[in-house]
Protein backbone atom coordinates (compact mmCIF):
# COMPACT_ATOMS: atom_id res chain seq x y z
CA MET A 1 95.77 128.10 67.45
CA SER A 2 95.00 126.96 63.46
CA PRO A 3 94.32 123.00 63.09
CA GLU A 4 97.80 122.20 62.05
CA ALA A 5 98.98 123.36 64.35
CA LEU A 6 96.79 121.20 67.09
CA GLU A 7 96.85 118.52 64.98
CA ALA A 8 100.59 118.54 65.24
CA LEU A 9 100.20 118.98 69.05
CA ARG A 10 97.42 115.86 69.59
CA HIS A 11 99.25 113.19 71.41
CA SER A 12 100.31 109.37 68.85
CA THR A 13 98.66 106.65 69.25
CA ARG A 14 102.45 104.92 70.43
CA GLU A 15 102.79 107.89 73.16
CA ASP A 16 99.92 107.17 75.35
CA VAL A 17 100.07 104.01 74.84
CA GLN A 18 103.70 104.45 76.87
CA ALA A 19 101.63 106.92 78.95
CA LEU A 20 99.06 104.48 79.98
CA LEU A 21 101.28 101.49 80.99
CA THR A 22 104.05 104.05 82.75
CA ALA A 23 101.23 105.62 85.02
CA THR A 24 99.42 103.17 86.25
CA LEU A 25 103.19 100.88 86.99
CA PHE A 26 104.03 103.74 88.70
CA MET A 27 100.85 103.78 90.73
CA SER A 28 100.60 99.85 91.37
CA PHE A 29 103.61 100.40 92.81
CA ALA A 30 102.24 103.06 95.71
CA VAL A 31 100.46 101.25 95.77
CA LEU A 32 101.65 98.21 96.54
CA MET A 33 103.95 100.11 98.99
CA PHE A 34 100.87 101.76 100.92
CA SER A 35 99.27 98.36 101.42
CA HIS A 36 102.50 97.36 102.57
CA ALA A 37 102.44 100.16 105.16
CA GLY A 38 98.83 99.81 106.46
CA LEU A 39 98.39 102.81 104.71
CA LEU A 40 95.21 104.57 103.26
CA THR A 41 94.74 107.44 100.01
CA GLY A 42 91.58 109.07 98.30
CA GLY A 43 89.64 108.47 95.55
CA THR A 44 88.64 105.15 94.27
CA ALA A 45 91.93 103.46 95.09
CA GLY A 46 91.34 105.27 98.49
CA VAL A 47 87.23 103.32 98.40
CA ALA A 48 89.16 100.18 96.88
CA PHE A 49 91.23 99.93 100.63
CA LEU A 50 88.51 100.87 102.47
CA ILE A 51 87.67 97.72 101.10
CA HIS A 52 90.74 95.54 100.85
CA TYR A 53 90.92 96.86 104.47
CA ALA A 54 87.80 95.74 106.27
CA THR A 55 86.96 92.57 104.09
CA GLY A 56 89.80 91.07 102.36
CA TRP A 57 88.95 91.32 99.38
CA SER A 58 91.49 91.75 96.18
CA PHE A 59 92.26 95.80 96.37
CA GLY A 60 92.51 95.38 92.17
CA LEU A 61 88.92 94.05 91.91
CA VAL A 62 87.50 96.04 93.87
CA MET A 63 89.32 98.74 92.40
CA PHE A 64 88.15 98.26 88.95
CA VAL A 65 84.73 96.91 89.99
CA VAL A 66 84.32 100.30 91.92
CA ASN A 67 85.49 103.22 89.08
CA VAL A 68 82.21 101.65 87.03
CA PRO A 69 79.94 103.21 87.04
CA PHE A 70 81.75 106.59 86.40
CA TYR A 71 82.60 105.31 82.57
CA VAL A 72 79.40 106.84 82.09
CA LEU A 73 80.20 110.26 83.33
CA ALA A 74 83.43 109.82 81.31
CA TRP A 75 80.88 108.81 78.47
CA ARG A 76 78.87 111.02 78.16
CA ARG A 77 81.25 114.15 79.66
CA MET A 78 83.97 113.93 78.27
CA GLY A 79 83.84 111.61 75.18
CA ARG A 80 84.51 108.24 74.02
CA ALA A 81 88.32 108.33 73.30
CA PHE A 82 88.70 109.29 77.27
CA THR A 83 86.38 107.02 78.48
CA LEU A 84 88.40 103.98 76.52
CA LYS A 85 91.81 105.20 78.09
CA THR A 86 90.31 105.65 81.46
CA ALA A 87 89.24 101.79 81.63
CA LEU A 88 92.03 100.44 79.94
CA SER A 89 94.16 102.75 82.99
CA VAL A 90 91.77 101.18 85.45
CA GLY A 91 92.01 97.63 83.95
CA LEU A 92 95.85 97.89 83.60
CA LEU A 93 96.22 98.84 87.08
CA SER A 94 94.08 96.13 88.13
CA VAL A 95 96.14 93.34 87.18
CA ILE A 96 100.06 95.39 87.57
CA VAL A 97 98.61 95.71 91.22
CA THR A 98 97.56 91.36 91.63
CA LEU A 99 100.78 91.05 89.94
CA LEU A 100 103.64 92.94 91.27
CA PRO A 101 104.04 91.04 94.60
CA ARG A 102 104.90 88.43 93.34
CA VAL A 103 108.05 90.35 91.20
CA VAL A 104 108.65 92.57 94.27
CA SER A 105 109.19 92.65 97.76
CA PHE A 106 109.83 95.10 101.02
CA ASP A 107 111.73 94.14 104.01
CA MET A 108 111.78 97.57 105.55
CA LEU A 109 110.06 99.95 104.25
CA SER A 110 109.75 103.76 106.80
CA PRO A 111 105.84 104.60 106.82
CA VAL A 112 106.71 108.27 106.85
CA PHE A 113 109.00 107.49 103.80
CA THR A 114 106.42 105.39 102.08
CA ALA A 115 103.55 107.97 102.83
CA VAL A 116 105.51 110.62 100.77
CA MET A 117 107.64 108.55 97.43
CA GLY A 118 104.10 106.64 96.80
CA GLY A 119 102.70 109.97 97.57
CA LEU A 120 104.86 111.68 94.86
CA LEU A 121 104.75 108.38 92.72
CA MET A 122 100.32 108.38 92.40
CA GLY A 123 100.92 112.71 91.51
CA VAL A 124 102.97 111.36 89.37
CA SER A 125 101.47 108.94 87.66
CA ILE A 126 97.35 110.95 87.94
CA LEU A 127 98.82 113.74 85.81
CA ILE A 128 100.37 111.43 83.31
CA LEU A 129 96.92 110.46 82.34
CA PHE A 130 95.49 113.94 82.59
CA ARG A 131 97.77 115.13 80.16
CA HIS A 132 97.36 112.00 77.43
CA ARG A 133 93.04 112.62 77.91
CA ALA A 134 92.93 109.86 80.69
CA SER A 135 92.34 109.31 83.96
CA LEU A 136 91.99 106.46 86.50
CA GLY A 137 88.64 106.88 86.55
CA GLY A 138 86.44 107.60 89.94
CA PHE A 139 87.15 111.19 91.50
CA ASN A 140 89.79 111.55 89.43
CA LEU A 141 87.94 112.20 86.58
CA LEU A 142 85.75 114.10 88.59
CA ALA A 143 88.00 116.32 90.02
CA LEU A 144 89.37 116.47 85.58
CA TYR A 145 86.13 116.87 84.53
CA LEU A 146 85.19 120.41 87.16
CA GLN A 147 88.59 122.52 85.92
CA ASP A 148 87.42 121.61 82.46
CA HIS A 149 84.16 122.80 82.93
CA PHE A 150 84.11 124.92 85.72
CA GLY A 151 87.83 126.46 85.34
CA TRP A 152 88.01 124.64 89.47
CA ARG A 153 92.37 123.68 89.80
CA ALA A 154 92.14 119.60 89.46
CA GLY A 155 94.30 119.41 92.54
CA ARG A 156 92.53 120.70 95.23
CA VAL A 157 89.17 119.50 94.13
CA GLN A 158 91.07 116.12 94.38
CA MET A 159 91.83 117.07 98.17
CA ALA A 160 88.91 117.96 99.59
CA MET A 161 87.42 114.69 98.17
CA ASP A 162 90.74 112.28 99.02
CA GLY A 163 89.95 114.39 103.04
CA VAL A 164 86.46 112.71 102.75
CA ILE A 165 87.44 109.75 102.58
CA LEU A 166 90.02 109.87 104.34
CA LEU A 167 88.29 110.01 107.35
CA CYS A 168 86.52 107.39 106.44
CA SER A 169 89.26 105.72 107.35
CA PHE A 170 89.45 105.65 110.83
CA ALA A 171 86.90 103.10 111.07
CA VAL A 172 89.54 100.53 109.09
CA VAL A 173 93.47 101.43 110.87
CA ASP A 174 94.66 103.69 113.34
CA TRP A 175 95.03 107.48 113.77
CA GLN A 176 98.76 107.42 113.63
CA HIS A 177 97.45 105.99 109.74
CA VAL A 178 95.89 108.23 109.22
CA ALA A 179 98.15 110.96 109.22
CA LEU A 180 100.53 109.78 107.81
CA SER A 181 97.82 109.31 104.84
CA VAL A 182 96.60 112.52 104.92
CA LEU A 183 101.09 113.22 104.35
CA GLY A 184 100.13 110.86 101.21
CA ALA A 185 97.62 113.13 100.26
CA PHE A 186 99.38 116.41 100.30
CA MET A 187 101.89 114.41 98.70
CA LEU A 188 100.03 113.41 95.98
CA ASN A 189 97.42 116.43 95.30
CA GLN A 190 100.50 118.43 95.79
CA THR A 191 102.05 116.83 92.42
CA LEU A 192 98.60 117.53 91.14
CA ALA A 193 97.96 121.26 92.08
CA THR A 194 101.43 122.86 91.31
CA ASN A 195 101.97 120.87 87.90
CA HIS A 196 98.76 121.07 86.52
CA ARG A 197 97.29 123.86 84.38
CA LYS A 198 95.71 124.32 81.87
CA GLU A 199 97.35 126.89 80.64
CA ARG A 200 100.54 125.64 81.28
CA TYR A 201 100.26 122.46 79.01
CA VAL A 202 98.41 122.95 75.40
CA ALA A 203 99.17 118.66 73.75
CA LEU A 204 95.99 116.90 73.59
């Protein structure tokens, strides 16, 4: 494909901004659902949930701090633009997830529904970011790097890493919540495995 054709496919700045705002809002809403139902997820969000449940510290702040070391990998392996968009996405998520409870609350929220819908929302959020050459840092970034450089499917890599995080969750929640968290992680990663394949998406 010619350089002119590739340039025509490239996302504009306006499209990138819209995508980052949409993705982080979706993810924040899913995080709020999971927090209300006492569920966890994988990746650095899962690590942030574990710390949040164990200490009561702000999820948004913990999420931001946990991701800081992964920016080095992003800068070295994925480039400046990817790193900046990822840092912006994590920053937006940290702010929105902190502010969202002021405008949204749940009187009744089924844990099973939360696992399914929250997992789907998280998967769609990450998918949007991946397609705009961004991520929410941490394991999302590592999964995307391994797919780009070794051809490993991002969804399957993410699922394996998420499994380790969920095993650790037995230390802070009961097995019923762990089981539902596994369901949520499955919904998230199946969304990625089904919809994120480089050969099917060429826009940059």
